[in-house]
Amino acid sequence: MGRRLELEKEYDIVDKRIQEAPKDTPVSLLEAWRKELDSIAFELNNLYDDDENE
């Protein structure tokens, strides 16, 4: 599996975790998950794909 597919899968997992979090989930935990989501999105946006440039 390529790095892009790995990141997309991780993004989907974290996004689903946030969306399905119980209402009593601590705010600090939600913030940590959002930071993780932002980090994955940043890496995805800056990923260089060799195949697209050939």
PDB file of N, CA and C in Angstrom:
ATOM      1  N   MET A   1       0.848  -1.171   0.000  1.00  0.00           N
ATOM      2  CA  MET A   1       0.000   0.000   0.000  1.00  0.00           C
ATOM      3  C   MET A   1       0.896   1.238   0.000  1.00  0.00           C
ATOM      4  N   GLY A   2       0.565   2.188  -0.848  1.00  0.00           N
ATOM      5  CA  GLY A   2       1.334   3.411  -0.944  1.00  0.00           C
ATOM      6  C   GLY A   2       1.084   4.336   0.236  1.00  0.00           C
ATOM      7  N   ARG A   3       1.975   5.282   0.384  1.00  0.00           N
ATOM      8  CA  ARG A   3       1.867   6.220   1.506  1.00  0.00           C
ATOM      9  C   ARG A   3       0.571   7.022   1.442  1.00  0.00           C
ATOM     10  N   ARG A   4       0.153   7.431   0.245  1.00  0.00           N
ATOM     11  CA  ARG A   4      -1.090   8.198   0.118  1.00  0.00           C
ATOM     12  C   ARG A   4      -2.281   7.371   0.612  1.00  0.00           C
ATOM     13  N   LEU A   5      -2.348   6.117   0.231  1.00  0.00           N
ATOM     14  CA  LEU A   5      -3.460   5.262   0.667  1.00  0.00           C
ATOM     15  C   LEU A   5      -3.445   5.064   2.179  1.00  0.00           C
ATOM     16  N   GLU A   6      -2.255   4.914   2.754  1.00  0.00           N
ATOM     17  CA  GLU A   6      -2.131   4.773   4.201  1.00  0.00           C
ATOM     18  C   GLU A   6      -2.663   6.016   4.914  1.00  0.00           C
ATOM     19  N   LEU A   7      -2.254   7.188   4.415  1.00  0.00           N
ATOM     20  CA  LEU A   7      -2.691   8.439   5.028  1.00  0.00           C
ATOM     21  C   LEU A   7      -4.194   8.641   4.885  1.00  0.00           C
ATOM     22  N   GLU A   8      -4.733   8.301   3.725  1.00  0.00           N
ATOM     23  CA  GLU A   8      -6.171   8.448   3.518  1.00  0.00           C
ATOM     24  C   GLU A   8      -6.947   7.527   4.464  1.00  0.00           C
ATOM     25  N   LYS A   9      -6.442   6.313   4.665  1.00  0.00           N
ATOM     26  CA  LYS A   9      -7.083   5.374   5.580  1.00  0.00           C
ATOM     27  C   LYS A   9      -7.011   5.899   7.015  1.00  0.00           C
ATOM     28  N   GLU A  10      -5.831   6.391   7.426  1.00  0.00           N
ATOM     29  CA  GLU A  10      -5.678   6.959   8.761  1.00  0.00           C
ATOM     30  C   GLU A  10      -6.621   8.143   8.955  1.00  0.00           C
ATOM     31  N   TYR A  11      -6.714   8.998   7.938  1.00  0.00           N
ATOM     32  CA  TYR A  11      -7.590  10.178   8.003  1.00  0.00           C
ATOM     33  C   TYR A  11      -9.035   9.743   8.231  1.00  0.00           C
ATOM     34  N   ASP A  12      -9.478   8.760   7.468  1.00  0.00           N
ATOM     35  CA  ASP A  12     -10.854   8.277   7.599  1.00  0.00           C
ATOM     36  C   ASP A  12     -11.121   7.710   8.993  1.00  0.00           C
ATOM     37  N   ILE A  13     -10.147   6.989   9.537  1.00  0.00           N
ATOM     38  CA  ILE A  13     -10.303   6.394  10.872  1.00  0.00           C
ATOM     39  C   ILE A  13     -10.430   7.483  11.935  1.00  0.00           C
ATOM     40  N   VAL A  14      -9.552   8.468  11.883  1.00  0.00           N
ATOM     41  CA  VAL A  14      -9.576   9.541  12.881  1.00  0.00           C
ATOM     42  C   VAL A  14     -10.840  10.374  12.727  1.00  0.00           C
ATOM     43  N   ASP A  15     -11.222  10.669  11.491  1.00  0.00           N
ATOM     44  CA  ASP A  15     -12.439  11.457  11.243  1.00  0.00           C
ATOM     45  C   ASP A  15     -13.664  10.726  11.794  1.00  0.00           C
ATOM     46  N   LYS A  16     -13.748   9.434  11.561  1.00  0.00           N
ATOM     47  CA  LYS A  16     -14.869   8.645  12.057  1.00  0.00           C
ATOM     48  C   LYS A  16     -14.870   8.633  13.585  1.00  0.00           C
ATOM     49  N   ARG A  17     -13.684   8.530  14.189  1.00  0.00           N
ATOM     50  CA  ARG A  17     -13.563   8.538  15.645  1.00  0.00           C
ATOM     51  C   ARG A  17     -14.124   9.847  16.215  1.00  0.00           C
ATOM     52  N   ILE A  18     -13.808  10.954  15.568  1.00  0.00           N
ATOM     53  CA  ILE A  18     -14.297  12.260  16.032  1.00  0.00           C
ATOM     54  C   ILE A  18     -15.815  12.351  15.851  1.00  0.00           C
ATOM     55  N   GLN A  19     -16.293  11.945  14.689  1.00  0.00           N
ATOM     56  CA  GLN A  19     -17.726  12.056  14.386  1.00  0.00           C
ATOM     57  C   GLN A  19     -18.586  11.177  15.300  1.00  0.00           C
ATOM     58  N   GLU A  20     -18.045  10.034  15.696  1.00  0.00           N
ATOM     59  CA  GLU A  20     -18.821   9.084  16.495  1.00  0.00           C
ATOM     60  C   GLU A  20     -18.479   9.145  17.981  1.00  0.00           C
ATOM     61  N   ALA A  21     -17.733  10.147  18.392  1.00  0.00           N
ATOM     62  CA  ALA A  21     -17.342  10.263  19.796  1.00  0.00           C
ATOM     63  C   ALA A  21     -18.569  10.516  20.668  1.00  0.00           C
ATOM     64  N   PRO A  22     -18.630   9.856  21.809  1.00  0.00           N
ATOM     65  CA  PRO A  22     -19.744  10.119  22.730  1.00  0.00           C
ATOM     66  C   PRO A  22     -19.731  11.566  23.205  1.00  0.00           C
ATOM     67  N   LYS A  23     -20.887  12.052  23.597  1.00  0.00           N
ATOM     68  CA  LYS A  23     -21.008  13.444  24.024  1.00  0.00           C
ATOM     69  C   LYS A  23     -20.164  13.754  25.255  1.00  0.00           C
ATOM     70  N   ASP A  24     -19.852  12.747  26.060  1.00  0.00           N
ATOM     71  CA  ASP A  24     -19.070  12.985  27.271  1.00  0.00           C
ATOM     72  C   ASP A  24     -17.562  12.812  27.056  1.00  0.00           C
ATOM     73  N   THR A  25     -17.127  12.779  25.796  1.00  0.00           N
ATOM     74  CA  THR A  25     -15.702  12.680  25.486  1.00  0.00           C
ATOM     75  C   THR A  25     -15.006  13.965  25.943  1.00  0.00           C
ATOM     76  N   PRO A  26     -13.914  13.825  26.689  1.00  0.00           N
ATOM     77  CA  PRO A  26     -13.208  15.029  27.166  1.00  0.00           C
ATOM     78  C   PRO A  26     -12.760  15.929  26.010  1.00  0.00           C
ATOM     79  N   VAL A  27     -12.879  17.223  26.214  1.00  0.00           N
ATOM     80  CA  VAL A  27     -12.524  18.209  25.197  1.00  0.00           C
ATOM     81  C   VAL A  27     -11.052  18.065  24.812  1.00  0.00           C
ATOM     82  N   SER A  28     -10.205  17.773  25.791  1.00  0.00           N
ATOM     83  CA  SER A  28      -8.773  17.635  25.494  1.00  0.00           C
ATOM     84  C   SER A  28      -8.509  16.475  24.536  1.00  0.00           C
ATOM     85  N   LEU A  29      -9.269  15.413  24.662  1.00  0.00           N
ATOM     86  CA  LEU A  29      -9.122  14.271  23.767  1.00  0.00           C
ATOM     87  C   LEU A  29      -9.598  14.623  22.360  1.00  0.00           C
ATOM     88  N   LEU A  30     -10.720  15.316  22.267  1.00  0.00           N
ATOM     89  CA  LEU A  30     -11.220  15.751  20.960  1.00  0.00           C
ATOM     90  C   LEU A  30     -10.223  16.687  20.281  1.00  0.00           C
ATOM     91  N   GLU A  31      -9.628  17.576  21.050  1.00  0.00           N
ATOM     92  CA  GLU A  31      -8.626  18.492  20.496  1.00  0.00           C
ATOM     93  C   GLU A  31      -7.413  17.726  19.988  1.00  0.00           C
ATOM     94  N   ALA A  32      -6.995  16.722  20.711  1.00  0.00           N
ATOM     95  CA  ALA A  32      -5.851  15.905  20.283  1.00  0.00           C
ATOM     96  C   ALA A  32      -6.180  15.184  18.978  1.00  0.00           C
ATOM     97  N   TRP A  33      -7.387  14.660  18.881  1.00  0.00           N
ATOM     98  CA  TRP A  33      -7.799  13.978  17.652  1.00  0.00           C
ATOM     99  C   TRP A  33      -7.850  14.951  16.481  1.00  0.00           C
ATOM    100  N   ARG A  34      -8.336  16.172  16.734  1.00  0.00           N
ATOM    101  CA  ARG A  34      -8.396  17.175  15.661  1.00  0.00           C
ATOM    102  C   ARG A  34      -6.995  17.576  15.202  1.00  0.00           C
ATOM    103  N   LYS A  35      -6.065  17.667  16.137  1.00  0.00           N
ATOM    104  CA  LYS A  35      -4.674  17.973  15.776  1.00  0.00           C
ATOM    105  C   LYS A  35      -4.087  16.846  14.935  1.00  0.00           C
ATOM    106  N   GLU A  36      -4.405  15.608  15.308  1.00  0.00           N
ATOM    107  CA  GLU A  36      -3.939  14.457  14.531  1.00  0.00           C
ATOM    108  C   GLU A  36      -4.529  14.506  13.124  1.00  0.00           C
ATOM    109  N   LEU A  37      -5.805  14.837  13.025  1.00  0.00           N
ATOM    110  CA  LEU A  37      -6.479  14.948  11.727  1.00  0.00           C
ATOM    111  C   LEU A  37      -5.830  16.043  10.882  1.00  0.00           C
ATOM    112  N   ASP A  38      -5.548  17.182  11.495  1.00  0.00           N
ATOM    113  CA  ASP A  38      -4.890  18.284  10.793  1.00  0.00           C
ATOM    114  C   ASP A  38      -3.502  17.876  10.305  1.00  0.00           C
ATOM    115  N   SER A  39      -2.782  17.147  11.129  1.00  0.00           N
ATOM    116  CA  SER A  39      -1.441  16.698  10.769  1.00  0.00           C
ATOM    117  C   SER A  39      -1.480  15.750   9.569  1.00  0.00           C
ATOM    118  N   ILE A  40      -2.419  14.824   9.588  1.00  0.00           N
ATOM    119  CA  ILE A  40      -2.567  13.888   8.470  1.00  0.00           C
ATOM    120  C   ILE A  40      -2.963  14.640   7.206  1.00  0.00           C
ATOM    121  N   ALA A  41      -3.896  15.578   7.328  1.00  0.00           N
ATOM    122  CA  ALA A  41      -4.339  16.366   6.169  1.00  0.00           C
ATOM    123  C   ALA A  41      -3.178  17.172   5.601  1.00  0.00           C
ATOM    124  N   PHE A  42      -2.367  17.762   6.470  1.00  0.00           N
ATOM    125  CA  PHE A  42      -1.210  18.531   6.028  1.00  0.00           C
ATOM    126  C   PHE A  42      -0.237  17.640   5.257  1.00  0.00           C
ATOM    127  N   GLU A  43       0.033  16.461   5.791  1.00  0.00           N
ATOM    128  CA  GLU A  43       0.951  15.540   5.112  1.00  0.00           C
ATOM    129  C   GLU A  43       0.378  15.098   3.767  1.00  0.00           C
ATOM    130  N   LEU A  44      -0.917  14.826   3.731  1.00  0.00           N
ATOM    131  CA  LEU A  44      -1.560  14.443   2.466  1.00  0.00           C
ATOM    132  C   LEU A  44      -1.455  15.557   1.435  1.00  0.00           C
ATOM    133  N   ASN A  45      -1.700  16.774   1.867  1.00  0.00           N
ATOM    134  CA  ASN A  45      -1.665  17.912   0.951  1.00  0.00           C
ATOM    135  C   ASN A  45      -0.271  18.192   0.419  1.00  0.00           C
ATOM    136  N   ASN A  46       0.739  17.798   1.164  1.00  0.00           N
ATOM    137  CA  ASN A  46       2.115  18.060   0.760  1.00  0.00           C
ATOM    138  C   ASN A  46       2.836  16.822   0.242  1.00  0.00           C
ATOM    139  N   LEU A  47       2.087  15.762   0.016  1.00  0.00           N
ATOM    140  CA  LEU A  47       2.680  14.524  -0.485  1.00  0.00           C
ATOM    141  C   LEU A  47       2.999  14.672  -1.964  1.00  0.00           C
ATOM    142  N   TYR A  48       4.162  14.238  -2.324  1.00  0.00           N
ATOM    143  CA  TYR A  48       4.613  14.304  -3.717  1.00  0.00           C
ATOM    144  C   TYR A  48       4.356  12.945  -4.376  1.00  0.00           C
ATOM    145  N   ASP A  49       3.574  12.938  -5.445  1.00  0.00           N
ATOM    146  CA  ASP A  49       3.268  11.698  -6.160  1.00  0.00           C
ATOM    147  C   ASP A  49       4.064  11.674  -7.464  1.00  0.00           C
ATOM    148  N   ASP A  50       4.971  10.730  -7.582  1.00  0.00           N
ATOM    149  CA  ASP A  50       5.775  10.603  -8.801  1.00  0.00           C
ATOM    150  C   ASP A  50       4.921  10.311 -10.021  1.00  0.00           C
ATOM    151  N   ASP A  51       3.896   9.469  -9.836  1.00  0.00           N
ATOM    152  CA  ASP A  51       3.077   9.055 -10.965  1.00  0.00           C
ATOM    153  C   ASP A  51       2.328  10.219 -11.617  1.00  0.00           C
ATOM    154  N   GLU A  52       1.937  11.210 -10.834  1.00  0.00           N
ATOM    155  CA  GLU A  52       1.182  12.330 -11.377  1.00  0.00           C
ATOM    156  C   GLU A  52       2.035  13.237 -12.230  1.00  0.00           C
ATOM    157  N   ASN A  53       3.340  13.203 -12.044  1.00  0.00           N
ATOM    158  CA  ASN A  53       4.218  14.122 -12.742  1.00  0.00           C
ATOM    159  C   ASN A  53       4.971  13.494 -13.907  1.00  0.00           C
ATOM    160  N   GLU A  54       4.632  12.285 -14.268  1.00  0.00           N
ATOM    161  CA  GLU A  54       5.317  11.630 -15.384  1.00  0.00           C
ATOM    162  C   GLU A  54       4.468  11.674 -16.632  1.00  0.00           C
TER     163      GLU A  54
END
